[in-house]
Amino acid sequence: MSEYKIMIVDDEPDILNLLEKALTIEGFHNILKVDNGNNAVSTCKEVNPDAIILDVMLPDIDGYEVCKQIRQFSRCPILFLSSKNDEVDKILGLAVGGDDYVTKPFSPKEVAFRVKAQLRRAEYRQSAEQPHAITIGELTIDPDGCRASKNGKDLELTAKEFEILYDLAQNRGRVISRERLYERIWGEDSFGCDNTMMVHIRHLREKIEDNPATPKYIITMKGLGYKLVNPHEK
């Protein structure tokens, strides 16, 4: 466990120290303590922790917002801590990208074991995914290198454009709604996403289609969403 980086986010020093002690006893030695939401986001970008214990009530932005921002660039397990025991709050925590939810008062040892469980699941998920390059027509999408090419020539895609293309490629031939695609790529509610998604799809077509005005790869299914197809297959 000593190789894992665990970040604890809470504005109460006693809880930070209590959790640090419990984690240390369970073999974790690379522990980061943060006392507000904005620092949590910036620290996560800088050190890329393997798991996060995140309090909901923070002095600047709440834990839900922290989670939403982190989910834009990280898939590490996030375990919420909260004094709220309402089912709605638990559902919200999971809906914004949390992996577990523990209410106060809590057992520090239980939290440490829940962190272990989440790390095991993350390891299993990563080993099961085993990303491979996907070839569709002249397009090749390489998730391992975050690269895409057409006829062997690299495409200059932004991170979001690549994520959209890879998501569509994983679901080739299937219609994916704008809302579902947006929520998966941006990690947030899709309300008002239409314009954002349309702009990204347009830019993506400009880079992968021979003629963006008559796309053959990314097809719009009116009123339903988009699908990625091989133009050489009928």
C-alpha atoms as a PDB file:
ATOM      1  CA  MET A   1       0.000   0.000   0.000  1.00  0.00           C
ATOM      2  CA  SER A   2       2.949   2.329   0.524  1.00  0.00           C
ATOM      3  CA  GLU A   3       3.177   3.166  -3.202  1.00  0.00           C
ATOM      4  CA  TYR A   4      -0.354   4.634  -3.348  1.00  0.00           C
ATOM      5  CA  LYS A   5      -0.948   8.379  -2.988  1.00  0.00           C
ATOM      6  CA  ILE A   6      -4.042   9.162  -0.943  1.00  0.00           C
ATOM      7  CA  MET A   7      -5.433  12.700  -0.699  1.00  0.00           C
ATOM      8  CA  ILE A   8      -7.670  13.660   2.237  1.00  0.00           C
ATOM      9  CA  VAL A   9      -9.765  16.812   1.834  1.00  0.00           C
ATOM     10  CA  ASP A  10     -11.394  18.208   4.992  1.00  0.00           C
ATOM     11  CA  ASP A  11     -11.376  21.565   6.757  1.00  0.00           C
ATOM     12  CA  GLU A  12     -11.258  19.971  10.230  1.00  0.00           C
ATOM     13  CA  PRO A  13      -7.649  19.273  11.342  1.00  0.00           C
ATOM     14  CA  ASP A  14      -8.778  16.595  13.811  1.00  0.00           C
ATOM     15  CA  ILE A  15     -10.446  14.585  11.031  1.00  0.00           C
ATOM     16  CA  LEU A  16      -7.442  15.011   8.744  1.00  0.00           C
ATOM     17  CA  ASN A  17      -5.122  13.695  11.462  1.00  0.00           C
ATOM     18  CA  LEU A  18      -7.489  10.888  12.463  1.00  0.00           C
ATOM     19  CA  LEU A  19      -7.791   9.607   8.917  1.00  0.00           C
ATOM     20  CA  GLU A  20      -4.064   9.990   8.311  1.00  0.00           C
ATOM     21  CA  LYS A  21      -3.362   7.810  11.362  1.00  0.00           C
ATOM     22  CA  ALA A  22      -5.882   5.145  10.281  1.00  0.00           C
ATOM     23  CA  LEU A  23      -4.457   5.031   6.765  1.00  0.00           C
ATOM     24  CA  THR A  24      -0.887   4.838   8.071  1.00  0.00           C
ATOM     25  CA  ILE A  25      -1.794   1.858  10.267  1.00  0.00           C
ATOM     26  CA  GLU A  26      -3.179   0.121   7.153  1.00  0.00           C
ATOM     27  CA  GLY A  27       0.084   0.616   5.290  1.00  0.00           C
ATOM     28  CA  PHE A  28      -0.445   3.891   3.436  1.00  0.00           C
ATOM     29  CA  HIS A  29       2.521   6.244   3.784  1.00  0.00           C
ATOM     30  CA  ASN A  30       2.078   8.736   0.954  1.00  0.00           C
ATOM     31  CA  ILE A  31      -0.777  10.833   2.343  1.00  0.00           C
ATOM     32  CA  LEU A  32      -1.669  14.388   1.304  1.00  0.00           C
ATOM     33  CA  LYS A  33      -3.856  16.589   3.495  1.00  0.00           C
ATOM     34  CA  VAL A  34      -5.817  19.491   1.982  1.00  0.00           C
ATOM     35  CA  ASP A  35      -8.243  21.788   3.821  1.00  0.00           C
ATOM     36  CA  ASN A  36     -10.287  23.412   1.015  1.00  0.00           C
ATOM     37  CA  GLY A  37     -11.867  22.594  -2.323  1.00  0.00           C
ATOM     38  CA  ASN A  38      -9.885  24.793  -4.691  1.00  0.00           C
ATOM     39  CA  ASN A  39      -6.580  23.498  -3.355  1.00  0.00           C
ATOM     40  CA  ALA A  40      -7.931  19.969  -3.690  1.00  0.00           C
ATOM     41  CA  VAL A  41      -8.509  20.429  -7.425  1.00  0.00           C
ATOM     42  CA  SER A  42      -5.102  22.017  -8.050  1.00  0.00           C
ATOM     43  CA  THR A  43      -3.293  19.441  -5.889  1.00  0.00           C
ATOM     44  CA  CYS A  44      -5.030  16.613  -7.700  1.00  0.00           C
ATOM     45  CA  LYS A  45      -3.846  17.990 -11.050  1.00  0.00           C
ATOM     46  CA  GLU A  46      -0.306  18.302  -9.719  1.00  0.00           C
ATOM     47  CA  VAL A  47       0.208  14.992  -7.905  1.00  0.00           C
ATOM     48  CA  ASN A  48      -2.414  12.696  -9.487  1.00  0.00           C
ATOM     49  CA  PRO A  49      -3.463  10.795  -6.321  1.00  0.00           C
ATOM     50  CA  ASP A  50      -4.617   7.186  -6.514  1.00  0.00           C
ATOM     51  CA  ALA A  51      -7.653   7.824  -4.276  1.00  0.00           C
ATOM     52  CA  ILE A  52      -9.368  10.786  -2.624  1.00  0.00           C
ATOM     53  CA  ILE A  53     -11.305  11.046   0.638  1.00  0.00           C
ATOM     54  CA  LEU A  54     -13.450  14.139   0.139  1.00  0.00           C
ATOM     55  CA  ASP A  55     -15.577  16.009   2.675  1.00  0.00           C
ATOM     56  CA  VAL A  56     -18.790  17.466   1.265  1.00  0.00           C
ATOM     57  CA  MET A  57     -18.857  20.608   3.425  1.00  0.00           C
ATOM     58  CA  LEU A  58     -15.811  22.743   2.638  1.00  0.00           C
ATOM     59  CA  PRO A  59     -15.179  26.470   3.283  1.00  0.00           C
ATOM     60  CA  ASP A  60     -14.954  27.562  -0.370  1.00  0.00           C
ATOM     61  CA  ILE A  61     -16.594  25.197  -2.882  1.00  0.00           C
ATOM     62  CA  ASP A  62     -18.439  22.090  -1.761  1.00  0.00           C
ATOM     63  CA  GLY A  63     -17.217  18.550  -2.290  1.00  0.00           C
ATOM     64  CA  TYR A  64     -19.716  17.887  -5.075  1.00  0.00           C
ATOM     65  CA  GLU A  65     -18.260  20.716  -7.147  1.00  0.00           C
ATOM     66  CA  VAL A  66     -14.726  19.534  -6.354  1.00  0.00           C
ATOM     67  CA  CYS A  67     -15.640  16.068  -7.579  1.00  0.00           C
ATOM     68  CA  LYS A  68     -17.165  17.422 -10.804  1.00  0.00           C
ATOM     69  CA  GLN A  69     -14.022  19.424 -11.553  1.00  0.00           C
ATOM     70  CA  ILE A  70     -11.697  16.518 -10.784  1.00  0.00           C
ATOM     71  CA  ARG A  71     -13.741  14.202 -12.996  1.00  0.00           C
ATOM     72  CA  GLN A  72     -12.816  16.390 -15.959  1.00  0.00           C
ATOM     73  CA  PHE A  73      -9.249  15.048 -15.818  1.00  0.00           C
ATOM     74  CA  SER A  74      -9.074  12.124 -13.377  1.00  0.00           C
ATOM     75  CA  ARG A  75     -10.821   8.784 -12.850  1.00  0.00           C
ATOM     76  CA  CYS A  76      -9.267   8.025  -9.457  1.00  0.00           C
ATOM     77  CA  PRO A  77     -11.684   6.666  -6.789  1.00  0.00           C
ATOM     78  CA  ILE A  78     -13.398   9.382  -4.731  1.00  0.00           C
ATOM     79  CA  LEU A  79     -14.928   8.551  -1.356  1.00  0.00           C
ATOM     80  CA  PHE A  80     -17.250  11.219   0.069  1.00  0.00           C
ATOM     81  CA  LEU A  81     -17.457  12.066   3.767  1.00  0.00           C
ATOM     82  CA  SER A  82     -20.580  13.875   4.923  1.00  0.00           C
ATOM     83  CA  SER A  83     -22.614  14.706   7.994  1.00  0.00           C
ATOM     84  CA  LYS A  84     -25.698  14.452   5.783  1.00  0.00           C
ATOM     85  CA  ASN A  85     -27.412  11.082   5.866  1.00  0.00           C
ATOM     86  CA  ASP A  86     -30.212  11.827   3.391  1.00  0.00           C
ATOM     87  CA  GLU A  87     -30.601   9.443   0.485  1.00  0.00           C
ATOM     88  CA  VAL A  88     -30.758  12.413  -1.904  1.00  0.00           C
ATOM     89  CA  ASP A  89     -27.288  13.564  -0.801  1.00  0.00           C
ATOM     90  CA  LYS A  90     -25.852  10.078  -1.288  1.00  0.00           C
ATOM     91  CA  ILE A  91     -27.372   9.838  -4.754  1.00  0.00           C
ATOM     92  CA  LEU A  92     -26.006  13.282  -5.631  1.00  0.00           C
ATOM     93  CA  GLY A  93     -22.533  12.253  -4.491  1.00  0.00           C
ATOM     94  CA  LEU A  94     -22.588   9.196  -6.724  1.00  0.00           C
ATOM     95  CA  ALA A  95     -24.211  11.086  -9.604  1.00  0.00           C
ATOM     96  CA  VAL A  96     -21.417  13.676  -9.810  1.00  0.00           C
ATOM     97  CA  GLY A  97     -18.779  10.948 -10.013  1.00  0.00           C
ATOM     98  CA  GLY A  98     -18.177   9.702  -6.473  1.00  0.00           C
ATOM     99  CA  ASP A  99     -17.430   6.021  -5.872  1.00  0.00           C
ATOM    100  CA  ASP A 100     -18.475   5.700  -2.231  1.00  0.00           C
ATOM    101  CA  TYR A 101     -20.244   7.733   0.471  1.00  0.00           C
ATOM    102  CA  VAL A 102     -19.641   7.560   4.233  1.00  0.00           C
ATOM    103  CA  THR A 103     -21.614   9.547   6.790  1.00  0.00           C
ATOM    104  CA  LYS A 104     -20.220  11.118   9.963  1.00  0.00           C
ATOM    105  CA  PRO A 105     -19.582   9.930  12.612  1.00  0.00           C
ATOM    106  CA  PHE A 106     -17.550   7.223  10.966  1.00  0.00           C
ATOM    107  CA  SER A 107     -15.011   4.555  11.837  1.00  0.00           C
ATOM    108  CA  PRO A 108     -11.573   5.681  10.556  1.00  0.00           C
ATOM    109  CA  LYS A 109     -10.597   2.027  10.134  1.00  0.00           C
ATOM    110  CA  GLU A 110     -13.691   1.397   8.003  1.00  0.00           C
ATOM    111  CA  VAL A 111     -12.813   4.383   5.810  1.00  0.00           C
ATOM    112  CA  ALA A 112      -9.290   3.011   5.332  1.00  0.00           C
ATOM    113  CA  PHE A 113     -10.691  -0.385   4.311  1.00  0.00           C
ATOM    114  CA  ARG A 114     -13.147   1.277   1.931  1.00  0.00           C
ATOM    115  CA  VAL A 115     -10.204   3.075   0.307  1.00  0.00           C
ATOM    116  CA  LYS A 116      -8.462  -0.295  -0.105  1.00  0.00           C
ATOM    117  CA  ALA A 117     -11.596  -1.749  -1.691  1.00  0.00           C
ATOM    118  CA  GLN A 118     -11.857   1.141  -4.161  1.00  0.00           C
ATOM    119  CA  LEU A 119      -8.200   0.783  -5.129  1.00  0.00           C
ATOM    120  CA  ARG A 120      -8.706  -2.925  -5.811  1.00  0.00           C
ATOM    121  CA  ARG A 121     -11.709  -2.136  -8.023  1.00  0.00           C
ATOM    122  CA  ALA A 122      -9.758   0.540  -9.890  1.00  0.00           C
ATOM    123  CA  GLU A 123      -6.906  -1.912 -10.527  1.00  0.00           C
ATOM    124  CA  TYR A 124      -9.328  -4.558 -11.780  1.00  0.00           C
ATOM    125  CA  ARG A 125     -11.062  -2.045 -14.041  1.00  0.00           C
ATOM    126  CA  GLN A 126      -7.766  -0.889 -15.541  1.00  0.00           C
ATOM    127  CA  SER A 127      -6.548  -4.442 -16.172  1.00  0.00           C
ATOM    128  CA  ALA A 128      -9.908  -5.455 -17.658  1.00  0.00           C
ATOM    129  CA  GLU A 129     -10.065  -2.484 -20.012  1.00  0.00           C
ATOM    130  CA  GLN A 130      -6.768  -3.243 -21.784  1.00  0.00           C
ATOM    131  CA  PRO A 131      -7.221  -0.504 -24.388  1.00  0.00           C
ATOM    132  CA  HIS A 132      -6.384  -1.423 -27.965  1.00  0.00           C
ATOM    133  CA  ALA A 133      -6.258   0.688 -31.086  1.00  0.00           C
ATOM    134  CA  ILE A 134      -9.525   0.765 -33.026  1.00  0.00           C
ATOM    135  CA  THR A 135      -9.529   0.910 -36.812  1.00  0.00           C
ATOM    136  CA  ILE A 136     -12.617   2.110 -38.673  1.00  0.00           C
ATOM    137  CA  GLY A 137     -12.134   2.661 -42.381  1.00  0.00           C
ATOM    138  CA  GLU A 138      -9.077   4.904 -42.808  1.00  0.00           C
ATOM    139  CA  LEU A 139      -9.268   6.019 -39.171  1.00  0.00           C
ATOM    140  CA  THR A 140      -7.140   4.546 -36.386  1.00  0.00           C
ATOM    141  CA  ILE A 141      -7.861   5.557 -32.779  1.00  0.00           C
ATOM    142  CA  ASP A 142      -5.172   4.675 -30.241  1.00  0.00           C
ATOM    143  CA  PRO A 143      -6.428   5.187 -26.659  1.00  0.00           C
ATOM    144  CA  ASP A 144      -3.106   4.190 -25.117  1.00  0.00           C
ATOM    145  CA  GLY A 145      -1.274   7.044 -26.834  1.00  0.00           C
ATOM    146  CA  CYS A 146      -4.320   9.337 -27.047  1.00  0.00           C
ATOM    147  CA  ARG A 147      -3.683   9.598 -30.781  1.00  0.00           C
ATOM    148  CA  ALA A 148      -5.815   9.321 -33.878  1.00  0.00           C
ATOM    149  CA  SER A 149      -4.728   9.089 -37.502  1.00  0.00           C
ATOM    150  CA  LYS A 150      -6.238   8.886 -40.957  1.00  0.00           C
ATOM    151  CA  ASN A 151      -4.429   6.998 -43.704  1.00  0.00           C
ATOM    152  CA  GLY A 152      -1.408   6.896 -41.390  1.00  0.00           C
ATOM    153  CA  LYS A 153      -1.317  10.678 -40.906  1.00  0.00           C
ATOM    154  CA  ASP A 154      -1.790  11.971 -37.365  1.00  0.00           C
ATOM    155  CA  LEU A 155      -4.867  14.091 -36.731  1.00  0.00           C
ATOM    156  CA  GLU A 156      -4.401  17.175 -34.580  1.00  0.00           C
ATOM    157  CA  LEU A 157      -7.288  16.657 -32.167  1.00  0.00           C
ATOM    158  CA  THR A 158      -7.927  18.442 -28.899  1.00  0.00           C
ATOM    159  CA  ALA A 159      -8.339  16.283 -25.783  1.00  0.00           C
ATOM    160  CA  LYS A 160     -12.129  16.611 -25.888  1.00  0.00           C
ATOM    161  CA  GLU A 161     -12.268  15.869 -29.621  1.00  0.00           C
ATOM    162  CA  PHE A 162     -10.226  12.712 -29.081  1.00  0.00           C
ATOM    163  CA  GLU A 163     -12.453  11.612 -26.185  1.00  0.00           C
ATOM    164  CA  ILE A 164     -15.582  12.122 -28.301  1.00  0.00           C
ATOM    165  CA  LEU A 165     -14.077  10.190 -31.223  1.00  0.00           C
ATOM    166  CA  TYR A 166     -12.908   7.346 -28.969  1.00  0.00           C
ATOM    167  CA  ASP A 167     -16.273   7.109 -27.224  1.00  0.00           C
ATOM    168  CA  LEU A 168     -18.074   6.930 -30.575  1.00  0.00           C
ATOM    169  CA  ALA A 169     -15.539   4.381 -31.831  1.00  0.00           C
ATOM    170  CA  GLN A 170     -16.123   2.148 -28.811  1.00  0.00           C
ATOM    171  CA  ASN A 171     -19.809   2.235 -29.709  1.00  0.00           C
ATOM    172  CA  ARG A 172     -19.392   2.093 -33.500  1.00  0.00           C
ATOM    173  CA  GLY A 173     -22.648   1.717 -35.345  1.00  0.00           C
ATOM    174  CA  ARG A 174     -24.694   2.632 -32.271  1.00  0.00           C
ATOM    175  CA  VAL A 175     -26.548   5.906 -31.855  1.00  0.00           C
ATOM    176  CA  ILE A 176     -25.308   7.903 -28.844  1.00  0.00           C
ATOM    177  CA  SER A 177     -27.424  10.830 -27.704  1.00  0.00           C
ATOM    178  CA  ARG A 178     -25.854  14.274 -27.331  1.00  0.00           C
ATOM    179  CA  GLU A 179     -26.795  14.263 -23.655  1.00  0.00           C
ATOM    180  CA  ARG A 180     -25.199  10.903 -22.904  1.00  0.00           C
ATOM    181  CA  LEU A 181     -22.060  11.762 -24.854  1.00  0.00           C
ATOM    182  CA  TYR A 182     -21.709  15.097 -23.088  1.00  0.00           C
ATOM    183  CA  GLU A 183     -22.162  13.595 -19.627  1.00  0.00           C
ATOM    184  CA  ARG A 184     -19.556  10.913 -20.313  1.00  0.00           C
ATOM    185  CA  ILE A 185     -16.963  13.315 -21.762  1.00  0.00           C
ATOM    186  CA  TRP A 186     -17.483  16.359 -19.559  1.00  0.00           C
ATOM    187  CA  GLY A 187     -18.569  14.466 -16.438  1.00  0.00           C
ATOM    188  CA  GLU A 188     -21.400  16.853 -15.651  1.00  0.00           C
ATOM    189  CA  ASP A 189     -25.103  17.347 -16.233  1.00  0.00           C
ATOM    190  CA  SER A 190     -25.988  17.757 -19.902  1.00  0.00           C
ATOM    191  CA  PHE A 191     -28.414  20.681 -19.443  1.00  0.00           C
ATOM    192  CA  GLY A 192     -27.736  23.214 -22.194  1.00  0.00           C
ATOM    193  CA  CYS A 193     -25.081  21.009 -23.822  1.00  0.00           C
ATOM    194  CA  ASP A 194     -26.436  21.146 -27.396  1.00  0.00           C
ATOM    195  CA  ASN A 195     -24.328  24.037 -28.642  1.00  0.00           C
ATOM    196  CA  THR A 196     -21.121  22.787 -27.010  1.00  0.00           C
ATOM    197  CA  MET A 197     -21.542  19.320 -28.480  1.00  0.00           C
ATOM    198  CA  MET A 198     -22.475  20.593 -31.938  1.00  0.00           C
ATOM    199  CA  VAL A 199     -19.367  22.810 -32.050  1.00  0.00           C
ATOM    200  CA  HIS A 200     -17.068  19.939 -31.049  1.00  0.00           C
ATOM    201  CA  ILE A 201     -18.667  17.567 -33.554  1.00  0.00           C
ATOM    202  CA  ARG A 202     -18.305  20.172 -36.305  1.00  0.00           C
ATOM    203  CA  HIS A 203     -14.601  20.675 -35.517  1.00  0.00           C
ATOM    204  CA  LEU A 204     -14.075  16.919 -35.347  1.00  0.00           C
ATOM    205  CA  ARG A 205     -15.690  16.442 -38.749  1.00  0.00           C
ATOM    206  CA  GLU A 206     -13.467  19.147 -40.212  1.00  0.00           C
ATOM    207  CA  LYS A 207     -10.461  17.037 -39.182  1.00  0.00           C
ATOM    208  CA  ILE A 208     -11.588  13.520 -40.072  1.00  0.00           C
ATOM    209  CA  GLU A 209     -14.030  13.861 -42.974  1.00  0.00           C
ATOM    210  CA  ASP A 210     -13.080  14.271 -46.641  1.00  0.00           C
ATOM    211  CA  ASN A 211     -16.020  16.649 -46.926  1.00  0.00           C
ATOM    212  CA  PRO A 212     -17.392  17.864 -43.565  1.00  0.00           C
ATOM    213  CA  ALA A 213     -20.573  19.067 -45.278  1.00  0.00           C
ATOM    214  CA  THR A 214     -21.425  15.474 -46.236  1.00  0.00           C
ATOM    215  CA  PRO A 215     -19.926  13.410 -43.404  1.00  0.00           C
ATOM    216  CA  LYS A 216     -19.375   9.696 -43.924  1.00  0.00           C
ATOM    217  CA  TYR A 217     -17.911   8.793 -40.533  1.00  0.00           C
ATOM    218  CA  ILE A 218     -19.836  10.765 -37.902  1.00  0.00           C
ATOM    219  CA  ILE A 219     -23.480  10.548 -38.861  1.00  0.00           C
ATOM    220  CA  THR A 220     -26.186  12.696 -37.269  1.00  0.00           C
ATOM    221  CA  MET A 221     -29.361  10.799 -36.456  1.00  0.00           C
ATOM    222  CA  LYS A 222     -31.913  13.606 -36.308  1.00  0.00           C
ATOM    223  CA  GLY A 223     -33.505  13.897 -32.897  1.00  0.00           C
ATOM    224  CA  LEU A 224     -31.455  10.978 -31.562  1.00  0.00           C
ATOM    225  CA  GLY A 225     -27.751  11.790 -31.564  1.00  0.00           C
ATOM    226  CA  TYR A 226     -24.615  10.623 -33.394  1.00  0.00           C
ATOM    227  CA  LYS A 227     -23.029   7.398 -34.535  1.00  0.00           C
ATOM    228  CA  LEU A 228     -19.631   6.542 -35.974  1.00  0.00           C
ATOM    229  CA  VAL A 229     -19.663   4.204 -38.977  1.00  0.00           C
ATOM    230  CA  ASN A 230     -17.244   2.700 -41.471  1.00  0.00           C
ATOM    231  CA  PRO A 231     -18.160   4.332 -44.796  1.00  0.00           C
ATOM    232  CA  HIS A 232     -16.897   1.254 -46.652  1.00  0.00           C
ATOM    233  CA  GLU A 233     -19.301  -1.071 -44.909  1.00  0.00           C
ATOM    234  CA  LYS A 234     -22.936  -1.349 -45.986  1.00  0.00           C
END
